[in-house]
C-alpha atoms as a PDB file:
ATOM      1  CA  MET A   1     -67.196  -1.499   6.117  1.00  0.00           C
ATOM      2  CA  TYR A   2     -69.159   1.098   7.719  1.00  0.00           C
ATOM      3  CA  GLY A   3     -66.720   0.967  11.076  1.00  0.00           C
ATOM      4  CA  GLY A   4     -67.983   4.491  12.267  1.00  0.00           C
ATOM      5  CA  THR A   5     -71.592   3.763  11.867  1.00  0.00           C
ATOM      6  CA  ARG A   6     -70.796   0.136  13.236  1.00  0.00           C
ATOM      7  CA  ILE A   7     -69.028   1.430  16.524  1.00  0.00           C
ATOM      8  CA  ASP A   8     -72.233   3.422  16.418  1.00  0.00           C
ATOM      9  CA  GLY A   9     -74.517   0.841  16.505  1.00  0.00           C
ATOM     10  CA  MET A  10     -72.546  -1.001  19.405  1.00  0.00           C
ATOM     11  CA  LEU A  11     -72.840   1.864  21.916  1.00  0.00           C
ATOM     12  CA  ILE A  12     -76.348   2.462  21.060  1.00  0.00           C
ATOM     13  CA  GLY A  13     -76.949  -1.116  21.482  1.00  0.00           C
ATOM     14  CA  ASN A  14     -74.435  -1.192  24.901  1.00  0.00           C
ATOM     15  CA  SER A  15     -76.752   1.829  26.506  1.00  0.00           C
ATOM     16  CA  PHE A  16     -79.383  -0.412  27.008  1.00  0.00           C
ATOM     17  CA  THR A  17     -77.958  -4.040  27.459  1.00  0.00           C
ATOM     18  CA  GLY A  18     -74.264  -3.419  27.598  1.00  0.00           C
ATOM     19  CA  PRO A  19     -72.349  -4.271  30.924  1.00  0.00           C
ATOM     20  CA  ASP A  20     -71.948  -0.296  31.976  1.00  0.00           C
ATOM     21  CA  ARG A  21     -75.539   0.356  30.386  1.00  0.00           C
ATOM     22  CA  SER A  22     -74.151   4.371  29.855  1.00  0.00           C
ATOM     23  CA  ALA A  23     -76.805   6.633  28.821  1.00  0.00           C
ATOM     24  CA  ALA A  24     -74.428   9.542  27.601  1.00  0.00           C
ATOM     25  CA  LEU A  25     -72.595   6.756  25.520  1.00  0.00           C
ATOM     26  CA  GLY A  26     -75.710   5.827  23.643  1.00  0.00           C
ATOM     27  CA  ALA A  27     -76.418   9.459  23.223  1.00  0.00           C
ATOM     28  CA  PHE A  28     -73.420  10.172  22.005  1.00  0.00           C
ATOM     29  CA  GLY A  29     -73.907   7.116  19.523  1.00  0.00           C
ATOM     30  CA  LEU A  30     -77.223   8.470  18.123  1.00  0.00           C
ATOM     31  CA  VAL A  31     -76.058  11.727  17.865  1.00  0.00           C
ATOM     32  CA  ASP A  32     -72.950  10.739  15.895  1.00  0.00           C
ATOM     33  CA  LEU A  33     -74.566   8.145  13.638  1.00  0.00           C
ATOM     34  CA  PRO A  34     -75.577  10.251  11.020  1.00  0.00           C
ATOM     35  CA  PHE A  35     -72.468  12.092  10.792  1.00  0.00           C
ATOM     36  CA  SER A  36     -70.643   8.786  10.463  1.00  0.00           C
ATOM     37  CA  LEU A  37     -73.016   7.239   8.128  1.00  0.00           C
ATOM     38  CA  VAL A  38     -71.952  10.127   6.032  1.00  0.00           C
ATOM     39  CA  MET A  39     -68.547   9.895   6.231  1.00  0.00           C
ATOM     40  CA  ASP A  40     -68.289   6.235   6.039  1.00  0.00           C
ATOM     41  CA  THR A  41     -70.541   6.757   2.863  1.00  0.00           C
ATOM     42  CA  LEU A  42     -67.583   9.325   1.366  1.00  0.00           C
ATOM     43  CA  LEU A  43     -64.673   7.277   1.866  1.00  0.00           C
ATOM     44  CA  LEU A  44     -66.322   3.656   0.482  1.00  0.00           C
ATOM     45  CA  PRO A  45     -64.586   4.530  -2.707  1.00  0.00           C
ATOM     46  CA  LEU A  46     -61.193   3.975  -0.481  1.00  0.00           C
ATOM     47  CA  ALA A  47     -62.638   1.261   2.051  1.00  0.00           C
ATOM     48  CA  ILE A  48     -63.479  -0.750  -0.412  1.00  0.00           C
ATOM     49  CA  PRO A  49     -59.809  -1.491  -2.283  1.00  0.00           C
ATOM     50  CA  LEU A  50     -58.328  -1.545   1.218  1.00  0.00           C
ATOM     51  CA  GLU A  51     -60.657  -3.967   2.913  1.00  0.00           C
ATOM     52  CA  GLY A  52     -59.660  -6.293  -0.120  1.00  0.00           C
ATOM     53  CA  HIS A  53     -55.930  -5.543   0.048  1.00  0.00           C
ATOM     54  CA  TYR A  54     -56.042  -6.655   4.119  1.00  0.00           C
ATOM     55  CA  HIS A  55     -58.420  -9.486   3.274  1.00  0.00           C
ATOM     56  CA  SER A  56     -56.112 -11.148   1.092  1.00  0.00           C
ATOM     57  CA  ALA A  57     -52.920 -10.411   3.219  1.00  0.00           C
ATOM     58  CA  CYS A  58     -54.538 -12.105   5.870  1.00  0.00           C
ATOM     59  CA  GLN A  59     -55.652 -14.893   3.734  1.00  0.00           C
ATOM     60  CA  GLN A  60     -51.679 -15.252   2.828  1.00  0.00           C
ATOM     61  CA  GLN A  61     -50.585 -14.752   6.117  1.00  0.00           C
ATOM     62  CA  THR A  62     -52.908 -17.295   7.519  1.00  0.00           C
ATOM     63  CA  VAL A  63     -51.580 -20.020   4.760  1.00  0.00           C
ATOM     64  CA  ALA A  64     -47.835 -19.091   5.857  1.00  0.00           C
ATOM     65  CA  ASP A  65     -48.688 -19.655   9.031  1.00  0.00           C
ATOM     66  CA  THR A  66     -50.487 -22.992   8.722  1.00  0.00           C
ATOM     67  CA  THR A  67     -47.935 -23.799   6.143  1.00  0.00           C
ATOM     68  CA  LYS A  68     -45.101 -23.220   8.434  1.00  0.00           C
ATOM     69  CA  SER A  69     -46.847 -25.201  11.712  1.00  0.00           C
ATOM     70  CA  ALA A  70     -47.216 -27.994   9.460  1.00  0.00           C
ATOM     71  CA  THR A  71     -43.322 -28.870   8.298  1.00  0.00           C
ATOM     72  CA  PRO A  72     -41.772 -30.400  11.136  1.00  0.00           C
END
């Protein structure tokens, strides 16, 4: 959830401590942060069901992989 906001936070954080320490990326993240926050909030009603769907599909795949590898 809030993927755009999370990416902006990483850009801002990496501009100070990351390997490339790019001030331009940090500035972009800072400018984009309020827009991403608004869009992530508006898209939240769509993101919640999709997140649940992908989470359950991932769990089912993990169980299938575990069962397949346990069978000789």
